[in-house]
Amino acid sequence: MSLFRLSQQEQITALAPGAHDLQIIHSLHGLDGFLVESDQLGANVRDAFGICAWPESPP
């Protein structure tokens, strides 16, 4: 469950000027998924800001 149903979130994204594509975090943890699914959240944030991923290990 979330503050808005998925269909409403899609509508908000479609109508918001300059909005990025809707990104959905898939998790078994419900509303707390964004706290646990750091890989998915990080990828979405990097994509939204055009940031490259951190290397797996320092060079």
N, C-alpha and C. Protein backbone atom coordinates (compact mmCIF):
# COMPACT_ATOMS: atom_id res chain seq x y z
N MET A 1 0.85 -1.18 0.00
CA MET A 1 0.00 0.00 0.00
C MET A 1 0.89 1.24 0.00
N SER A 2 0.41 2.28 -0.61
CA SER A 2 1.15 3.53 -0.64
C SER A 2 0.18 4.70 -0.50
N LEU A 3 0.72 5.89 -0.47
CA LEU A 3 -0.09 7.09 -0.34
C LEU A 3 -1.06 7.22 -1.51
N PHE A 4 -0.59 6.89 -2.71
CA PHE A 4 -1.42 6.92 -3.91
C PHE A 4 -1.38 5.55 -4.57
N ARG A 5 -2.48 5.14 -5.15
CA ARG A 5 -2.51 3.90 -5.91
C ARG A 5 -1.58 4.05 -7.11
N LEU A 6 -1.12 2.90 -7.62
CA LEU A 6 -0.20 2.92 -8.76
C LEU A 6 -0.79 3.69 -9.94
N SER A 7 -2.06 3.48 -10.22
CA SER A 7 -2.69 4.18 -11.34
C SER A 7 -2.67 5.70 -11.12
N GLN A 8 -2.83 6.13 -9.87
CA GLN A 8 -2.77 7.56 -9.57
C GLN A 8 -1.34 8.09 -9.70
N GLN A 9 -0.37 7.28 -9.27
CA GLN A 9 1.03 7.69 -9.41
C GLN A 9 1.40 7.83 -10.88
N GLU A 10 0.91 6.91 -11.71
CA GLU A 10 1.16 6.99 -13.15
C GLU A 10 0.54 8.26 -13.73
N GLN A 11 -0.66 8.60 -13.27
CA GLN A 11 -1.33 9.81 -13.76
C GLN A 11 -0.58 11.06 -13.32
N ILE A 12 -0.15 11.10 -12.08
CA ILE A 12 0.61 12.26 -11.58
C ILE A 12 1.88 12.43 -12.40
N THR A 13 2.59 11.33 -12.63
CA THR A 13 3.83 11.38 -13.41
C THR A 13 3.57 11.88 -14.83
N ALA A 14 2.49 11.39 -15.43
CA ALA A 14 2.17 11.79 -16.81
C ALA A 14 1.82 13.26 -16.90
N LEU A 15 1.22 13.82 -15.86
CA LEU A 15 0.75 15.20 -15.90
C LEU A 15 1.75 16.21 -15.34
N ALA A 16 2.75 15.74 -14.62
CA ALA A 16 3.72 16.66 -14.00
C ALA A 16 4.72 17.14 -15.04
N PRO A 17 4.82 18.45 -15.23
CA PRO A 17 5.76 18.98 -16.22
C PRO A 17 7.20 18.61 -15.87
N GLY A 18 7.93 18.06 -16.82
CA GLY A 18 9.33 17.73 -16.61
C GLY A 18 9.58 16.50 -15.76
N ALA A 19 8.55 15.75 -15.43
CA ALA A 19 8.73 14.58 -14.58
C ALA A 19 9.46 13.48 -15.34
N HIS A 20 10.29 12.75 -14.61
CA HIS A 20 10.95 11.57 -15.18
C HIS A 20 9.92 10.44 -15.25
N ASP A 21 10.28 9.37 -15.92
CA ASP A 21 9.40 8.20 -15.95
C ASP A 21 9.20 7.68 -14.53
N LEU A 22 8.04 7.14 -14.27
CA LEU A 22 7.73 6.55 -12.97
C LEU A 22 8.64 5.36 -12.73
N GLN A 23 9.30 5.34 -11.60
CA GLN A 23 10.17 4.24 -11.23
C GLN A 23 9.52 3.48 -10.08
N ILE A 24 9.39 2.18 -10.23
CA ILE A 24 8.74 1.36 -9.22
C ILE A 24 9.78 0.48 -8.55
N ILE A 25 9.80 0.50 -7.23
CA ILE A 25 10.71 -0.35 -6.46
C ILE A 25 9.92 -1.59 -6.05
N HIS A 26 10.41 -2.74 -6.49
CA HIS A 26 9.75 -4.00 -6.18
C HIS A 26 10.36 -4.56 -4.89
N SER A 27 9.50 -4.87 -3.91
CA SER A 27 10.00 -5.34 -2.63
C SER A 27 8.93 -6.13 -1.91
N LEU A 28 9.37 -7.06 -1.10
CA LEU A 28 8.46 -7.81 -0.24
C LEU A 28 8.18 -7.05 1.06
N HIS A 29 8.79 -5.87 1.21
CA HIS A 29 8.70 -5.11 2.45
C HIS A 29 7.67 -3.98 2.41
N GLY A 30 6.82 -3.97 1.41
CA GLY A 30 5.75 -2.98 1.33
C GLY A 30 6.26 -1.56 1.29
N LEU A 31 5.65 -0.71 2.10
CA LEU A 31 6.00 0.72 2.11
C LEU A 31 7.45 0.97 2.52
N ASP A 32 8.03 0.04 3.27
CA ASP A 32 9.41 0.21 3.71
C ASP A 32 10.42 -0.29 2.68
N GLY A 33 9.94 -0.71 1.52
CA GLY A 33 10.83 -1.25 0.51
C GLY A 33 11.95 -0.31 0.14
N PHE A 34 11.67 0.99 0.07
CA PHE A 34 12.72 1.95 -0.32
C PHE A 34 13.83 2.01 0.73
N LEU A 35 13.54 1.59 1.96
CA LEU A 35 14.56 1.57 3.01
C LEU A 35 15.46 0.35 2.89
N VAL A 36 14.93 -0.72 2.33
CA VAL A 36 15.63 -2.00 2.27
C VAL A 36 16.26 -2.25 0.90
N GLU A 37 15.61 -1.81 -0.14
CA GLU A 37 16.06 -2.07 -1.51
C GLU A 37 16.98 -0.96 -1.99
N SER A 38 18.13 -0.84 -1.33
CA SER A 38 19.03 0.28 -1.63
C SER A 38 19.60 0.21 -3.05
N ASP A 39 19.79 -0.99 -3.58
CA ASP A 39 20.30 -1.09 -4.96
C ASP A 39 19.32 -0.50 -5.95
N GLN A 40 18.03 -0.83 -5.79
CA GLN A 40 17.01 -0.30 -6.70
C GLN A 40 16.87 1.21 -6.51
N LEU A 41 16.82 1.66 -5.27
CA LEU A 41 16.66 3.09 -5.01
C LEU A 41 17.86 3.87 -5.53
N GLY A 42 19.06 3.36 -5.28
CA GLY A 42 20.27 4.03 -5.74
C GLY A 42 20.30 4.16 -7.25
N ALA A 43 19.92 3.09 -7.94
CA ALA A 43 19.89 3.12 -9.41
C ALA A 43 18.90 4.17 -9.90
N ASN A 44 17.74 4.26 -9.25
CA ASN A 44 16.73 5.24 -9.65
C ASN A 44 17.22 6.67 -9.40
N VAL A 45 17.87 6.88 -8.28
CA VAL A 45 18.38 8.23 -7.96
C VAL A 45 19.49 8.62 -8.94
N ARG A 46 20.42 7.69 -9.19
CA ARG A 46 21.50 7.98 -10.15
C ARG A 46 20.93 8.28 -11.53
N ASP A 47 19.92 7.53 -11.94
CA ASP A 47 19.29 7.75 -13.24
C ASP A 47 18.63 9.12 -13.29
N ALA A 48 17.92 9.47 -12.22
CA ALA A 48 17.20 10.75 -12.19
C ALA A 48 18.16 11.94 -12.25
N PHE A 49 19.32 11.80 -11.63
CA PHE A 49 20.28 12.91 -11.61
C PHE A 49 21.39 12.76 -12.64
N GLY A 50 21.34 11.69 -13.44
CA GLY A 50 22.36 11.48 -14.46
C GLY A 50 23.73 11.22 -13.89
N ILE A 51 23.77 10.53 -12.78
CA ILE A 51 25.04 10.24 -12.10
C ILE A 51 25.49 8.83 -12.46
N CYS A 52 26.77 8.65 -12.69
CA CYS A 52 27.31 7.32 -12.97
C CYS A 52 27.33 6.50 -11.68
N ALA A 53 27.22 5.20 -11.83
CA ALA A 53 27.28 4.29 -10.68
C ALA A 53 28.69 4.30 -10.11
N TRP A 54 28.78 4.08 -8.80
CA TRP A 54 30.09 3.96 -8.15
C TRP A 54 30.73 2.67 -8.60
N PRO A 55 32.03 2.65 -8.75
CA PRO A 55 32.70 1.39 -9.10
C PRO A 55 32.55 0.38 -7.95
N GLU A 56 32.60 -0.88 -8.30
CA GLU A 56 32.45 -1.94 -7.28
C GLU A 56 33.56 -1.87 -6.25
N SER A 57 34.77 -1.59 -6.69
CA SER A 57 35.89 -1.45 -5.77
C SER A 57 36.76 -0.29 -6.24
N PRO A 58 37.43 0.35 -5.30
CA PRO A 58 38.27 1.49 -5.69
C PRO A 58 39.38 1.04 -6.64
N PRO A 59 39.75 1.89 -7.60
CA PRO A 59 40.81 1.54 -8.56
C PRO A 59 42.16 1.46 -7.89
